[in-house]
Amino acid sequence: MGILPAHLWTTVGNDAFALNQLNLHAVGAGPYQIAGIAIGADGLPSSITLSPFNQYALGAPKLQKVTLDFYPSEDVLKQAYLAGKIDALGAIPRP
């Protein structure tokens, strides 16, 4: 895990960590920066778009855009993958 300032994160519980505003408006020094966050009708992020951080210490990344899409269920994710709407997916846990 990267550097996390204790004075900001100490009061954030495990359940709230992923969708905390500190993550949605993150500050870092990696190869990408958050270019946009699409919020769904449920108030949760439906996608996050990343763009190159050109001052990255190891040089600009090769990909000019990375989009992370979030799906409401495993079935919807599988359907999107099988229909060729996404390039790759993370692990889907077995039941």
Protein backbone atom coordinates (compact mmCIF):
# COMPACT_ATOMS: atom_id res chain seq x y z
CA MET A 1 0.00 0.00 0.00
CA GLY A 2 1.17 3.53 -0.68
CA ILE A 3 1.64 6.37 1.72
CA LEU A 4 -1.53 7.18 3.66
CA PRO A 5 -1.59 10.21 5.97
CA ALA A 6 -2.74 8.96 9.38
CA HIS A 7 -4.33 12.27 10.34
CA LEU A 8 -6.82 11.83 7.47
CA TRP A 9 -7.42 8.08 7.45
CA THR A 10 -7.46 7.10 11.14
CA THR A 11 -11.21 7.59 11.50
CA VAL A 12 -12.16 5.88 8.22
CA GLY A 13 -13.41 2.33 8.79
CA ASN A 14 -12.71 -0.63 6.52
CA ASP A 15 -16.22 -0.61 5.08
CA ALA A 16 -15.98 3.06 4.07
CA PHE A 17 -12.42 2.97 2.75
CA ALA A 18 -13.00 2.21 -0.96
CA LEU A 19 -15.63 4.89 -1.62
CA ASN A 20 -14.30 7.53 0.76
CA GLN A 21 -13.93 11.03 -0.71
CA LEU A 22 -10.19 10.81 0.00
CA ASN A 23 -10.02 7.98 -2.55
CA LEU A 24 -12.37 9.59 -5.04
CA HIS A 25 -10.29 12.80 -4.99
CA ALA A 26 -6.95 11.13 -4.50
CA VAL A 27 -3.56 12.81 -4.52
CA GLY A 28 -0.58 10.75 -5.53
CA ALA A 29 2.62 10.58 -7.52
CA GLY A 30 1.94 7.64 -9.84
CA PRO A 31 1.84 7.52 -13.65
CA TYR A 32 -1.87 8.42 -13.88
CA GLN A 33 -4.22 11.02 -12.48
CA ILE A 34 -7.98 10.93 -12.12
CA ALA A 35 -9.51 12.69 -15.13
CA GLY A 36 -13.15 11.97 -14.32
CA ILE A 37 -15.54 9.99 -12.19
CA ALA A 38 -18.99 9.01 -13.46
CA ILE A 39 -21.53 8.56 -10.68
CA GLY A 40 -24.47 6.20 -11.19
CA ALA A 41 -28.06 6.69 -10.09
CA ASP A 42 -27.23 4.81 -6.87
CA GLY A 43 -24.64 7.46 -5.95
CA LEU A 44 -21.72 5.07 -6.45
CA PRO A 45 -18.98 5.44 -9.06
CA SER A 46 -19.88 3.66 -12.30
CA SER A 47 -16.52 4.45 -13.91
CA ILE A 48 -13.25 6.25 -13.28
CA THR A 49 -11.18 7.63 -16.15
CA LEU A 50 -7.44 8.08 -15.73
CA SER A 51 -5.14 10.24 -17.84
CA PRO A 52 -1.32 10.37 -17.91
CA PHE A 53 0.49 12.32 -15.21
CA ASN A 54 3.22 13.74 -17.42
CA GLN A 55 5.46 14.75 -14.51
CA TYR A 56 5.67 11.16 -13.27
CA ALA A 57 9.25 10.53 -12.12
CA LEU A 58 9.70 7.49 -14.41
CA GLY A 59 8.28 9.18 -17.50
CA ALA A 60 4.86 9.49 -19.05
CA PRO A 61 2.90 6.23 -19.37
CA LYS A 62 2.28 4.65 -22.76
CA LEU A 63 -1.53 4.47 -22.49
CA GLN A 64 -3.21 7.83 -22.98
CA LYS A 65 -6.45 6.84 -21.28
CA VAL A 66 -7.51 4.12 -18.87
CA THR A 67 -11.16 3.65 -17.95
CA LEU A 68 -12.20 1.51 -15.00
CA ASP A 69 -15.85 0.50 -15.27
CA PHE A 70 -17.73 -0.86 -12.27
CA TYR A 71 -20.65 -3.23 -12.72
CA PRO A 72 -23.61 -3.80 -10.38
CA SER A 73 -23.33 -7.59 -10.48
CA GLU A 74 -21.14 -10.41 -11.70
CA ASP A 75 -23.75 -11.35 -14.29
CA VAL A 76 -23.73 -7.87 -15.85
CA LEU A 77 -19.92 -7.92 -15.84
CA LYS A 78 -19.80 -11.32 -17.57
CA GLN A 79 -22.36 -10.20 -20.17
CA ALA A 80 -20.30 -7.08 -20.98
CA TYR A 81 -17.13 -9.14 -21.32
CA LEU A 82 -18.71 -11.82 -23.51
CA ALA A 83 -20.27 -9.12 -25.73
CA GLY A 84 -16.81 -7.58 -26.28
CA LYS A 85 -17.69 -4.33 -24.50
CA ILE A 86 -14.65 -4.52 -22.22
CA ASP A 87 -11.05 -5.55 -22.81
CA ALA A 88 -10.31 -7.25 -19.50
CA LEU A 89 -11.82 -7.96 -16.13
CA GLY A 90 -10.60 -8.63 -12.63
CA ALA A 91 -11.04 -11.90 -10.85
CA ILE A 92 -14.57 -13.04 -10.20
CA PRO A 93 -14.67 -15.08 -6.99
CA ARG A 94 -16.09 -18.57 -7.25
CA PRO A 95 -19.22 -19.25 -5.20
